[in-house]
């Protein structure tokens, strides 16, 4: 089981880096450039979110949010629930964690 963790995290990092490279923040800075200055890495944020929700990450992305500051949004599956976990990119701490409901609008990106 543990032999799948590193390849899974690597796949998430690659997928996130590829899609995040084209998204611009509200300040006009590219997310890929903004993430390079973050004190917490994507891999660390995923581990923090997984520990917080007691599950496995299935999606993660960096957001250069103007209101909340730079953060990672990590979707974690725990049992039969899915959690949306926000991790502060500077402090590496969980900002919020809530159960994702089927009618939850994911178009807030």
C-alpha atoms as a PDB file:
ATOM      1  CA  UNK A   1       0.000   0.000   0.000  1.00  0.00           C
ATOM      2  CA  UNK A   2       2.767   2.458   0.931  1.00  0.00           C
ATOM      3  CA  UNK A   3       4.557   1.800  -2.349  1.00  0.00           C
ATOM      4  CA  UNK A   4       1.750   3.667  -4.139  1.00  0.00           C
ATOM      5  CA  UNK A   5       2.001   6.861  -2.063  1.00  0.00           C
ATOM      6  CA  UNK A   6       5.076   8.393  -3.751  1.00  0.00           C
ATOM      7  CA  UNK A   7       3.879   7.718  -7.332  1.00  0.00           C
ATOM      8  CA  UNK A   8       0.452   9.133  -6.429  1.00  0.00           C
ATOM      9  CA  UNK A   9       1.949  12.291  -4.955  1.00  0.00           C
ATOM     10  CA  UNK A  10       4.266  12.639  -7.955  1.00  0.00           C
ATOM     11  CA  UNK A  11       1.301  12.352 -10.332  1.00  0.00           C
ATOM     12  CA  UNK A  12      -0.613  14.993  -8.368  1.00  0.00           C
ATOM     13  CA  UNK A  13       2.381  17.329  -8.406  1.00  0.00           C
ATOM     14  CA  UNK A  14       2.873  16.904 -12.153  1.00  0.00           C
ATOM     15  CA  UNK A  15      -0.831  17.368 -12.909  1.00  0.00           C
ATOM     16  CA  UNK A  16      -1.103  20.425 -10.677  1.00  0.00           C
ATOM     17  CA  UNK A  17       2.074  22.037 -11.981  1.00  0.00           C
ATOM     18  CA  UNK A  18       0.920  21.562 -15.565  1.00  0.00           C
ATOM     19  CA  UNK A  19      -2.505  23.077 -15.076  1.00  0.00           C
ATOM     20  CA  UNK A  20      -1.415  25.724 -12.587  1.00  0.00           C
ATOM     21  CA  UNK A  21       1.237  27.038 -14.932  1.00  0.00           C
ATOM     22  CA  UNK A  22      -1.414  28.679 -17.097  1.00  0.00           C
ATOM     23  CA  UNK A  23      -3.616  30.185 -14.396  1.00  0.00           C
ATOM     24  CA  UNK A  24      -2.941  33.774 -13.410  1.00  0.00           C
ATOM     25  CA  UNK A  25      -3.545  35.257  -9.961  1.00  0.00           C
ATOM     26  CA  UNK A  26      -5.433  38.471  -9.306  1.00  0.00           C
ATOM     27  CA  UNK A  27      -2.083  40.299  -9.232  1.00  0.00           C
ATOM     28  CA  UNK A  28      -1.220  39.087 -12.707  1.00  0.00           C
ATOM     29  CA  UNK A  29       1.487  36.732 -11.444  1.00  0.00           C
ATOM     30  CA  UNK A  30       1.614  33.229 -12.809  1.00  0.00           C
ATOM     31  CA  UNK A  31       0.713  30.561 -10.177  1.00  0.00           C
ATOM     32  CA  UNK A  32       3.762  28.513 -11.181  1.00  0.00           C
ATOM     33  CA  UNK A  33       5.986  31.469 -10.284  1.00  0.00           C
ATOM     34  CA  UNK A  34       4.056  32.238  -7.108  1.00  0.00           C
ATOM     35  CA  UNK A  35       4.300  28.656  -5.858  1.00  0.00           C
ATOM     36  CA  UNK A  36       8.088  28.738  -6.201  1.00  0.00           C
ATOM     37  CA  UNK A  37       8.184  31.357  -3.436  1.00  0.00           C
ATOM     38  CA  UNK A  38       5.883  29.479  -1.070  1.00  0.00           C
ATOM     39  CA  UNK A  39       7.479  28.259   2.168  1.00  0.00           C
ATOM     40  CA  UNK A  40       5.380  25.073   2.112  1.00  0.00           C
ATOM     41  CA  UNK A  41       5.719  22.693  -0.831  1.00  0.00           C
ATOM     42  CA  UNK A  42       2.801  21.034  -2.549  1.00  0.00           C
ATOM     43  CA  UNK A  43       3.933  17.648  -1.223  1.00  0.00           C
ATOM     44  CA  UNK A  44       4.008  19.009   2.356  1.00  0.00           C
ATOM     45  CA  UNK A  45       0.541  20.540   1.917  1.00  0.00           C
ATOM     46  CA  UNK A  46      -0.833  17.224   0.652  1.00  0.00           C
ATOM     47  CA  UNK A  47       0.619  15.379   3.659  1.00  0.00           C
ATOM     48  CA  UNK A  48      -0.864  17.973   6.038  1.00  0.00           C
ATOM     49  CA  UNK A  49      -4.300  17.743   4.400  1.00  0.00           C
ATOM     50  CA  UNK A  50      -4.243  13.928   4.433  1.00  0.00           C
ATOM     51  CA  UNK A  51      -3.366  13.909   8.121  1.00  0.00           C
ATOM     52  CA  UNK A  52      -6.025  16.502   8.926  1.00  0.00           C
ATOM     53  CA  UNK A  53      -8.825  14.615   7.147  1.00  0.00           C
ATOM     54  CA  UNK A  54      -7.468  11.118   7.898  1.00  0.00           C
ATOM     55  CA  UNK A  55      -7.598  10.119   4.250  1.00  0.00           C
ATOM     56  CA  UNK A  56      -5.883  10.159   0.869  1.00  0.00           C
ATOM     57  CA  UNK A  57      -5.522  13.175  -1.410  1.00  0.00           C
ATOM     58  CA  UNK A  58      -7.057  12.833  -4.862  1.00  0.00           C
ATOM     59  CA  UNK A  59      -6.589  16.389  -6.127  1.00  0.00           C
ATOM     60  CA  UNK A  60      -4.450  19.356  -5.137  1.00  0.00           C
ATOM     61  CA  UNK A  61      -3.796  22.810  -6.551  1.00  0.00           C
ATOM     62  CA  UNK A  62      -2.143  26.079  -5.614  1.00  0.00           C
ATOM     63  CA  UNK A  63      -4.185  29.259  -5.407  1.00  0.00           C
ATOM     64  CA  UNK A  64      -2.736  32.741  -5.164  1.00  0.00           C
ATOM     65  CA  UNK A  65      -5.887  33.950  -3.408  1.00  0.00           C
ATOM     66  CA  UNK A  66      -6.108  37.718  -2.875  1.00  0.00           C
ATOM     67  CA  UNK A  67      -8.353  37.417   0.214  1.00  0.00           C
ATOM     68  CA  UNK A  68      -6.797  34.454   1.993  1.00  0.00           C
ATOM     69  CA  UNK A  69      -3.254  34.735   0.657  1.00  0.00           C
ATOM     70  CA  UNK A  70      -1.389  31.908  -1.076  1.00  0.00           C
ATOM     71  CA  UNK A  71      -2.872  28.526  -0.266  1.00  0.00           C
ATOM     72  CA  UNK A  72      -3.267  24.967  -1.430  1.00  0.00           C
ATOM     73  CA  UNK A  73      -6.674  23.430  -2.021  1.00  0.00           C
ATOM     74  CA  UNK A  74      -6.546  19.684  -1.425  1.00  0.00           C
ATOM     75  CA  UNK A  75      -9.417  17.252  -1.932  1.00  0.00           C
ATOM     76  CA  UNK A  76      -9.119  14.289   0.451  1.00  0.00           C
ATOM     77  CA  UNK A  77     -11.173  11.083   0.494  1.00  0.00           C
ATOM     78  CA  UNK A  78     -11.742   9.618   3.938  1.00  0.00           C
ATOM     79  CA  UNK A  79     -14.065   6.611   4.078  1.00  0.00           C
ATOM     80  CA  UNK A  80     -17.234   7.597   2.254  1.00  0.00           C
ATOM     81  CA  UNK A  81     -16.646  11.348   2.636  1.00  0.00           C
ATOM     82  CA  UNK A  82     -14.706  13.873   0.574  1.00  0.00           C
ATOM     83  CA  UNK A  83     -13.097  16.831   2.337  1.00  0.00           C
ATOM     84  CA  UNK A  84     -12.036  20.151   0.847  1.00  0.00           C
ATOM     85  CA  UNK A  85      -8.960  21.154   2.843  1.00  0.00           C
ATOM     86  CA  UNK A  86      -7.233  24.533   2.512  1.00  0.00           C
ATOM     87  CA  UNK A  87      -3.593  24.683   3.620  1.00  0.00           C
ATOM     88  CA  UNK A  88      -1.739  27.968   4.155  1.00  0.00           C
ATOM     89  CA  UNK A  89       1.202  28.021   1.713  1.00  0.00           C
ATOM     90  CA  UNK A  90       3.333  30.137   4.055  1.00  0.00           C
ATOM     91  CA  UNK A  91       2.677  28.491   7.429  1.00  0.00           C
ATOM     92  CA  UNK A  92       1.838  24.959   6.291  1.00  0.00           C
ATOM     93  CA  UNK A  93      -1.211  24.863   8.558  1.00  0.00           C
ATOM     94  CA  UNK A  94      -4.806  23.932   7.791  1.00  0.00           C
ATOM     95  CA  UNK A  95      -6.938  27.027   7.211  1.00  0.00           C
ATOM     96  CA  UNK A  96     -10.210  25.145   6.813  1.00  0.00           C
ATOM     97  CA  UNK A  97     -11.551  21.669   6.257  1.00  0.00           C
ATOM     98  CA  UNK A  98     -15.126  20.937   5.257  1.00  0.00           C
ATOM     99  CA  UNK A  99     -17.065  18.022   3.863  1.00  0.00           C
ATOM    100  CA  UNK A 100     -17.661  18.407   0.136  1.00  0.00           C
ATOM    101  CA  UNK A 101     -21.307  17.910  -0.700  1.00  0.00           C
ATOM    102  CA  UNK A 102     -22.578  16.637  -4.073  1.00  0.00           C
ATOM    103  CA  UNK A 103     -24.169  20.001  -4.839  1.00  0.00           C
ATOM    104  CA  UNK A 104     -21.007  21.948  -3.889  1.00  0.00           C
ATOM    105  CA  UNK A 105     -20.056  24.306  -6.717  1.00  0.00           C
ATOM    106  CA  UNK A 106     -16.436  23.753  -7.745  1.00  0.00           C
ATOM    107  CA  UNK A 107     -16.440  26.666 -10.196  1.00  0.00           C
ATOM    108  CA  UNK A 108     -14.995  29.087  -7.642  1.00  0.00           C
ATOM    109  CA  UNK A 109     -11.564  28.796  -9.265  1.00  0.00           C
END
